[in-house]
Amino acid sequence: MLWWNFGLISQTRVHIDCVEGLGDFLEFAVVLRPGQTWAEGSLRKTGLPSLGEAYVDLLLAQARTTPAQRAHEG
């Protein structure tokens, strides 16, 4: 996996991740301040979608599908 860190915008880290076998992703990671709850720091209020899964979980799920299934989805 390759990634580029574009720095911190307010309390949000911005990355571009290139994951072999999955593709390229733009990732926003909120760094919580001391005492800040997950709900207060979440990006949900922005309306941005979330994968909700780690790359390793996506790769494992992909490995469980057959090449024919992947071609059909693709």
PDB file of N, CA and C in Angstrom:
ATOM      1  N   MET A   1       0.846  -1.173   0.000  1.00  0.00           N
ATOM      2  CA  MET A   1       0.000   0.000   0.000  1.00  0.00           C
ATOM      3  C   MET A   1       0.894   1.239   0.000  1.00  0.00           C
ATOM      4  N   LEU A   2       0.575   2.164  -0.847  1.00  0.00           N
ATOM      5  CA  LEU A   2       1.229   3.464  -0.866  1.00  0.00           C
ATOM      6  C   LEU A   2       0.248   4.493  -0.326  1.00  0.00           C
ATOM      7  N   TRP A   3       0.761   5.497   0.348  1.00  0.00           N
ATOM      8  CA  TRP A   3      -0.125   6.564   0.793  1.00  0.00           C
ATOM      9  C   TRP A   3       0.622   7.889   0.829  1.00  0.00           C
ATOM     10  N   TRP A   4      -0.111   8.926   0.618  1.00  0.00           N
ATOM     11  CA  TRP A   4       0.415  10.277   0.682  1.00  0.00           C
ATOM     12  C   TRP A   4      -0.383  11.018   1.737  1.00  0.00           C
ATOM     13  N   ASN A   5       0.315  11.646   2.664  1.00  0.00           N
ATOM     14  CA  ASN A   5      -0.327  12.425   3.711  1.00  0.00           C
ATOM     15  C   ASN A   5      -0.306  13.885   3.283  1.00  0.00           C
ATOM     16  N   PHE A   6      -1.478  14.454   3.118  1.00  0.00           N
ATOM     17  CA  PHE A   6      -1.575  15.848   2.687  1.00  0.00           C
ATOM     18  C   PHE A   6      -1.671  16.800   3.867  1.00  0.00           C
ATOM     19  N   GLY A   7      -1.491  16.277   5.069  1.00  0.00           N
ATOM     20  CA  GLY A   7      -1.445  17.138   6.238  1.00  0.00           C
ATOM     21  C   GLY A   7      -2.732  17.157   7.028  1.00  0.00           C
ATOM     22  N   LEU A   8      -2.762  18.089   7.930  1.00  0.00           N
ATOM     23  CA  LEU A   8      -3.873  18.232   8.860  1.00  0.00           C
ATOM     24  C   LEU A   8      -4.665  19.479   8.518  1.00  0.00           C
ATOM     25  N   ILE A   9      -5.954  19.323   8.318  1.00  0.00           N
ATOM     26  CA  ILE A   9      -6.859  20.446   8.101  1.00  0.00           C
ATOM     27  C   ILE A   9      -7.768  20.478   9.316  1.00  0.00           C
ATOM     28  N   SER A  10      -7.606  21.504  10.133  1.00  0.00           N
ATOM     29  CA  SER A  10      -8.270  21.576  11.425  1.00  0.00           C
ATOM     30  C   SER A  10      -7.846  20.339  12.209  1.00  0.00           C
ATOM     31  N   GLN A  11      -8.759  19.442  12.513  1.00  0.00           N
ATOM     32  CA  GLN A  11      -8.381  18.228  13.233  1.00  0.00           C
ATOM     33  C   GLN A  11      -8.565  16.984  12.356  1.00  0.00           C
ATOM     34  N   THR A  12      -8.492  17.184  11.044  1.00  0.00           N
ATOM     35  CA  THR A  12      -8.704  16.092  10.094  1.00  0.00           C
ATOM     36  C   THR A  12      -7.460  15.868   9.245  1.00  0.00           C
ATOM     37  N   ARG A  13      -6.950  14.629   9.266  1.00  0.00           N
ATOM     38  CA  ARG A  13      -5.843  14.247   8.394  1.00  0.00           C
ATOM     39  C   ARG A  13      -6.405  13.832   7.048  1.00  0.00           C
ATOM     40  N   VAL A  14      -5.754  14.267   5.980  1.00  0.00           N
ATOM     41  CA  VAL A  14      -6.185  13.935   4.622  1.00  0.00           C
ATOM     42  C   VAL A  14      -5.105  13.070   3.981  1.00  0.00           C
ATOM     43  N   HIS A  15      -5.498  11.868   3.514  1.00  0.00           N
ATOM     44  CA  HIS A  15      -4.568  10.928   2.887  1.00  0.00           C
ATOM     45  C   HIS A  15      -5.125  10.484   1.545  1.00  0.00           C
ATOM     46  N   ILE A  16      -4.224  10.138   0.646  1.00  0.00           N
ATOM     47  CA  ILE A  16      -4.594   9.373  -0.549  1.00  0.00           C
ATOM     48  C   ILE A  16      -3.901   8.030  -0.396  1.00  0.00           C
ATOM     49  N   ASP A  17      -4.679   6.956  -0.412  1.00  0.00           N
ATOM     50  CA  ASP A  17      -4.158   5.597  -0.268  1.00  0.00           C
ATOM     51  C   ASP A  17      -4.315   4.854  -1.587  1.00  0.00           C
ATOM     52  N   CYS A  18      -3.269   4.180  -2.017  1.00  0.00           N
ATOM     53  CA  CYS A  18      -3.302   3.333  -3.205  1.00  0.00           C
ATOM     54  C   CYS A  18      -3.120   1.899  -2.720  1.00  0.00           C
ATOM     55  N   VAL A  19      -4.181   1.119  -2.758  1.00  0.00           N
ATOM     56  CA  VAL A  19      -4.167  -0.228  -2.214  1.00  0.00           C
ATOM     57  C   VAL A  19      -4.206  -1.232  -3.356  1.00  0.00           C
ATOM     58  N   GLU A  20      -3.140  -2.011  -3.485  1.00  0.00           N
ATOM     59  CA  GLU A  20      -3.052  -2.997  -4.555  1.00  0.00           C
ATOM     60  C   GLU A  20      -4.225  -3.968  -4.457  1.00  0.00           C
ATOM     61  N   GLY A  21      -4.914  -4.142  -5.563  1.00  0.00           N
ATOM     62  CA  GLY A  21      -6.054  -5.048  -5.601  1.00  0.00           C
ATOM     63  C   GLY A  21      -7.381  -4.392  -5.269  1.00  0.00           C
ATOM     64  N   LEU A  22      -7.348  -3.185  -4.687  1.00  0.00           N
ATOM     65  CA  LEU A  22      -8.593  -2.484  -4.346  1.00  0.00           C
ATOM     66  C   LEU A  22      -8.762  -1.184  -5.114  1.00  0.00           C
ATOM     67  N   GLY A  23      -7.687  -0.443  -5.266  1.00  0.00           N
ATOM     68  CA  GLY A  23      -7.778   0.828  -5.966  1.00  0.00           C
ATOM     69  C   GLY A  23      -7.268   1.980  -5.122  1.00  0.00           C
ATOM     70  N   ASP A  24      -7.665   3.173  -5.488  1.00  0.00           N
ATOM     71  CA  ASP A  24      -7.222   4.395  -4.834  1.00  0.00           C
ATOM     72  C   ASP A  24      -8.343   4.972  -3.983  1.00  0.00           C
ATOM     73  N   PHE A  25      -7.973   5.504  -2.827  1.00  0.00           N
ATOM     74  CA  PHE A  25      -8.954   6.024  -1.882  1.00  0.00           C
ATOM     75  C   PHE A  25      -8.510   7.372  -1.352  1.00  0.00           C
ATOM     76  N   LEU A  26      -9.457   8.256  -1.160  1.00  0.00           N
ATOM     77  CA  LEU A  26      -9.237   9.503  -0.447  1.00  0.00           C
ATOM     78  C   LEU A  26      -9.754   9.260   0.960  1.00  0.00           C
ATOM     79  N   GLU A  27      -8.896   9.470   1.943  1.00  0.00           N
ATOM     80  CA  GLU A  27      -9.270   9.144   3.320  1.00  0.00           C
ATOM     81  C   GLU A  27      -9.197  10.387   4.194  1.00  0.00           C
ATOM     82  N   PHE A  28     -10.219  10.568   5.006  1.00  0.00           N
ATOM     83  CA  PHE A  28     -10.258  11.640   5.999  1.00  0.00           C
ATOM     84  C   PHE A  28     -10.255  10.968   7.370  1.00  0.00           C
ATOM     85  N   ALA A  29      -9.283  11.302   8.194  1.00  0.00           N
ATOM     86  CA  ALA A  29      -9.183  10.708   9.529  1.00  0.00           C
ATOM     87  C   ALA A  29      -9.208  11.831  10.557  1.00  0.00           C
ATOM     88  N   VAL A  30     -10.235  11.839  11.378  1.00  0.00           N
ATOM     89  CA  VAL A  30     -10.378  12.876  12.392  1.00  0.00           C
ATOM     90  C   VAL A  30      -9.540  12.502  13.618  1.00  0.00           C
ATOM     91  N   VAL A  31      -8.725  13.448  14.070  1.00  0.00           N
ATOM     92  CA  VAL A  31      -7.928  13.266  15.278  1.00  0.00           C
ATOM     93  C   VAL A  31      -8.704  13.924  16.415  1.00  0.00           C
ATOM     94  N   LEU A  32      -9.184  13.105  17.333  1.00  0.00           N
ATOM     95  CA  LEU A  32      -9.994  13.644  18.433  1.00  0.00           C
ATOM     96  C   LEU A  32      -9.134  14.456  19.397  1.00  0.00           C
ATOM     97  N   ARG A  33      -9.700  15.539  19.876  1.00  0.00           N
ATOM     98  CA  ARG A  33      -9.048  16.352  20.893  1.00  0.00           C
ATOM     99  C   ARG A  33      -9.250  15.678  22.253  1.00  0.00           C
ATOM    100  N   PRO A  34      -8.402  15.957  23.230  1.00  0.00           N
ATOM    101  CA  PRO A  34      -8.599  15.377  24.568  1.00  0.00           C
ATOM    102  C   PRO A  34     -10.004  15.678  25.090  1.00  0.00           C
ATOM    103  N   GLY A  35     -10.692  14.648  25.527  1.00  0.00           N
ATOM    104  CA  GLY A  35     -12.036  14.806  26.068  1.00  0.00           C
ATOM    105  C   GLY A  35     -13.141  14.864  25.023  1.00  0.00           C
ATOM    106  N   GLN A  36     -12.794  14.883  23.747  1.00  0.00           N
ATOM    107  CA  GLN A  36     -13.797  14.960  22.685  1.00  0.00           C
ATOM    108  C   GLN A  36     -14.335  13.561  22.393  1.00  0.00           C
ATOM    109  N   THR A  37     -15.655  13.445  22.272  1.00  0.00           N
ATOM    110  CA  THR A  37     -16.266  12.154  21.976  1.00  0.00           C
ATOM    111  C   THR A  37     -16.198  11.866  20.484  1.00  0.00           C
ATOM    112  N   TRP A  38     -16.354  10.587  20.131  1.00  0.00           N
ATOM    113  CA  TRP A  38     -16.355  10.188  18.728  1.00  0.00           C
ATOM    114  C   TRP A  38     -17.451  10.932  17.968  1.00  0.00           C
ATOM    115  N   ALA A  39     -18.623  11.053  18.565  1.00  0.00           N
ATOM    116  CA  ALA A  39     -19.749  11.728  17.895  1.00  0.00           C
ATOM    117  C   ALA A  39     -19.426  13.196  17.618  1.00  0.00           C
ATOM    118  N   GLU A  40     -18.741  13.852  18.539  1.00  0.00           N
ATOM    119  CA  GLU A  40     -18.384  15.259  18.342  1.00  0.00           C
ATOM    120  C   GLU A  40     -17.352  15.439  17.234  1.00  0.00           C
ATOM    121  N   GLY A  41     -16.466  14.467  17.074  1.00  0.00           N
ATOM    122  CA  GLY A  41     -15.402  14.603  16.101  1.00  0.00           C
ATOM    123  C   GLY A  41     -15.652  13.904  14.785  1.00  0.00           C
ATOM    124  N   SER A  42     -16.780  13.221  14.655  1.00  0.00           N
ATOM    125  CA  SER A  42     -17.010  12.420  13.452  1.00  0.00           C
ATOM    126  C   SER A  42     -17.271  13.286  12.230  1.00  0.00           C
ATOM    127  N   LEU A  43     -17.054  12.684  11.070  1.00  0.00           N
ATOM    128  CA  LEU A  43     -17.323  13.370   9.812  1.00  0.00           C
ATOM    129  C   LEU A  43     -18.760  13.158   9.341  1.00  0.00           C
ATOM    130  N   ARG A  44     -19.571  12.490  10.133  1.00  0.00           N
ATOM    131  CA  ARG A  44     -20.947  12.200   9.702  1.00  0.00           C
ATOM    132  C   ARG A  44     -21.710  13.463   9.322  1.00  0.00           C
ATOM    133  N   LYS A  45     -21.458  14.532  10.022  1.00  0.00           N
ATOM    134  CA  LYS A  45     -22.191  15.771   9.731  1.00  0.00           C
ATOM    135  C   LYS A  45     -21.852  16.352   8.365  1.00  0.00           C
ATOM    136  N   THR A  46     -20.759  15.902   7.764  1.00  0.00           N
ATOM    137  CA  THR A  46     -20.382  16.395   6.440  1.00  0.00           C
ATOM    138  C   THR A  46     -21.157  15.708   5.328  1.00  0.00           C
ATOM    139  N   GLY A  47     -21.723  14.535   5.635  1.00  0.00           N
ATOM    140  CA  GLY A  47     -22.426  13.769   4.620  1.00  0.00           C
ATOM    141  C   GLY A  47     -21.501  12.910   3.774  1.00  0.00           C
ATOM    142  N   LEU A  48     -20.200  12.865   4.128  1.00  0.00           N
ATOM    143  CA  LEU A  48     -19.268  12.028   3.383  1.00  0.00           C
ATOM    144  C   LEU A  48     -19.507  10.559   3.709  1.00  0.00           C
ATOM    145  N   PRO A  49     -19.433   9.694   2.698  1.00  0.00           N
ATOM    146  CA  PRO A  49     -19.622   8.266   2.961  1.00  0.00           C
ATOM    147  C   PRO A  49     -18.411   7.680   3.678  1.00  0.00           C
ATOM    148  N   SER A  50     -18.629   6.584   4.360  1.00  0.00           N
ATOM    149  CA  SER A  50     -17.561   5.892   5.053  1.00  0.00           C
ATOM    150  C   SER A  50     -17.517   4.453   4.596  1.00  0.00           C
ATOM    151  N   LEU A  51     -16.310   3.924   4.409  1.00  0.00           N
ATOM    152  CA  LEU A  51     -16.183   2.509   4.070  1.00  0.00           C
ATOM    153  C   LEU A  51     -16.670   1.642   5.212  1.00  0.00           C
ATOM    154  N   GLY A  52     -16.322   2.033   6.414  1.00  0.00           N
ATOM    155  CA  GLY A  52     -16.724   1.263   7.576  1.00  0.00           C
ATOM    156  C   GLY A  52     -15.939  -0.022   7.742  1.00  0.00           C
ATOM    157  N   GLU A  53     -14.990  -0.294   6.852  1.00  0.00           N
ATOM    158  CA  GLU A  53     -14.183  -1.499   6.938  1.00  0.00           C
ATOM    159  C   GLU A  53     -12.733  -1.155   6.669  1.00  0.00           C
ATOM    160  N   ALA A  54     -11.843  -1.929   7.283  1.00  0.00           N
ATOM    161  CA  ALA A  54     -10.419  -1.759   7.028  1.00  0.00           C
ATOM    162  C   ALA A  54     -10.074  -2.363   5.677  1.00  0.00           C
ATOM    163  N   TYR A  55      -8.991  -1.878   5.088  1.00  0.00           N
ATOM    164  CA  TYR A  55      -8.566  -2.400   3.786  1.00  0.00           C
ATOM    165  C   TYR A  55      -8.350  -3.904   3.843  1.00  0.00           C
ATOM    166  N   VAL A  56      -7.778  -4.396   4.945  1.00  0.00           N
ATOM    167  CA  VAL A  56      -7.526  -5.837   5.045  1.00  0.00           C
ATOM    168  C   VAL A  56      -8.834  -6.622   4.985  1.00  0.00           C
ATOM    169  N   ASP A  57      -9.901  -6.102   5.581  1.00  0.00           N
ATOM    170  CA  ASP A  57     -11.209  -6.773   5.521  1.00  0.00           C
ATOM    171  C   ASP A  57     -11.748  -6.784   4.096  1.00  0.00           C
ATOM    172  N   LEU A  58     -11.567  -5.698   3.370  1.00  0.00           N
ATOM    173  CA  LEU A  58     -12.018  -5.639   1.977  1.00  0.00           C
ATOM    174  C   LEU A  58     -11.224  -6.609   1.110  1.00  0.00           C
ATOM    175  N   LEU A  59      -9.910  -6.705   1.361  1.00  0.00           N
ATOM    176  CA  LEU A  59      -9.076  -7.633   0.601  1.00  0.00           C
ATOM    177  C   LEU A  59      -9.459  -9.084   0.889  1.00  0.00           C
ATOM    178  N   LEU A  60      -9.750  -9.406   2.155  1.00  0.00           N
ATOM    179  CA  LEU A  60     -10.173 -10.769   2.506  1.00  0.00           C
ATOM    180  C   LEU A  60     -11.497 -11.110   1.852  1.00  0.00           C
ATOM    181  N   ALA A  61     -12.435 -10.178   1.844  1.00  0.00           N
ATOM    182  CA  ALA A  61     -13.732 -10.414   1.202  1.00  0.00           C
ATOM    183  C   ALA A  61     -13.548 -10.625  -0.296  1.00  0.00           C
ATOM    184  N   GLN A  62     -12.667  -9.847  -0.891  1.00  0.00           N
ATOM    185  CA  GLN A  62     -12.390  -9.984  -2.323  1.00  0.00           C
ATOM    186  C   GLN A  62     -11.767 -11.353  -2.620  1.00  0.00           C
ATOM    187  N   ALA A  63     -10.895 -11.827  -1.751  1.00  0.00           N
ATOM    188  CA  ALA A  63     -10.231 -13.116  -1.956  1.00  0.00           C
ATOM    189  C   ALA A  63     -11.221 -14.279  -1.884  1.00  0.00           C
ATOM    190  N   ARG A  64     -12.332 -14.084  -1.195  1.00  0.00           N
ATOM    191  CA  ARG A  64     -13.336 -15.147  -1.074  1.00  0.00           C
ATOM    192  C   ARG A  64     -14.245 -15.246  -2.291  1.00  0.00           C
ATOM    193  N   THR A  65     -14.171 -14.260  -3.198  1.00  0.00           N
ATOM    194  CA  THR A  65     -14.986 -14.314  -4.414  1.00  0.00           C
ATOM    195  C   THR A  65     -14.190 -14.957  -5.541  1.00  0.00           C
ATOM    196  N   THR A  66     -14.897 -15.524  -6.489  1.00  0.00           N
ATOM    197  CA  THR A  66     -14.233 -16.156  -7.633  1.00  0.00           C
ATOM    198  C   THR A  66     -13.927 -15.094  -8.698  1.00  0.00           C
ATOM    199  N   PRO A  67     -13.000 -15.372  -9.586  1.00  0.00           N
ATOM    200  CA  PRO A  67     -12.730 -14.411 -10.678  1.00  0.00           C
ATOM    201  C   PRO A  67     -13.987 -14.108 -11.503  1.00  0.00           C
ATOM    202  N   ALA A  68     -14.842 -15.095 -11.708  1.00  0.00           N
ATOM    203  CA  ALA A  68     -16.063 -14.865 -12.469  1.00  0.00           C
ATOM    204  C   ALA A  68     -16.997 -13.890 -11.740  1.00  0.00           C
ATOM    205  N   GLN A  69     -17.087 -14.021 -10.411  1.00  0.00           N
ATOM    206  CA  GLN A  69     -17.915 -13.097  -9.626  1.00  0.00           C
ATOM    207  C   GLN A  69     -17.359 -11.685  -9.711  1.00  0.00           C
ATOM    208  N   ARG A  70     -16.025 -11.550  -9.616  1.00  0.00           N
ATOM    209  CA  ARG A  70     -15.403 -10.220  -9.698  1.00  0.00           C
ATOM    210  C   ARG A  70     -15.623  -9.589 -11.069  1.00  0.00           C
ATOM    211  N   ALA A  71     -15.543 -10.373 -12.137  1.00  0.00           N
ATOM    212  CA  ALA A  71     -15.767  -9.862 -13.493  1.00  0.00           C
ATOM    213  C   ALA A  71     -17.197  -9.373 -13.659  1.00  0.00           C
ATOM    214  N   HIS A  72     -18.140 -10.107 -13.068  1.00  0.00           N
ATOM    215  CA  HIS A  72     -19.547  -9.730 -13.157  1.00  0.00           C
ATOM    216  C   HIS A  72     -19.819  -8.433 -12.410  1.00  0.00           C
ATOM    217  N   GLU A  73     -19.155  -8.240 -11.249  1.00  0.00           N
ATOM    218  CA  GLU A  73     -19.347  -7.023 -10.426  1.00  0.00           C
ATOM    219  C   GLU A  73     -18.678  -5.817 -11.046  1.00  0.00           C
ATOM    220  N   GLY A  74     -17.603  -6.060 -11.822  1.00  0.00           N
ATOM    221  CA  GLY A  74     -16.725  -5.042 -12.255  1.00  0.00           C
ATOM    222  C   GLY A  74     -17.023  -4.032 -13.190  1.00  0.00           C
TER     223      GLY A  74
END
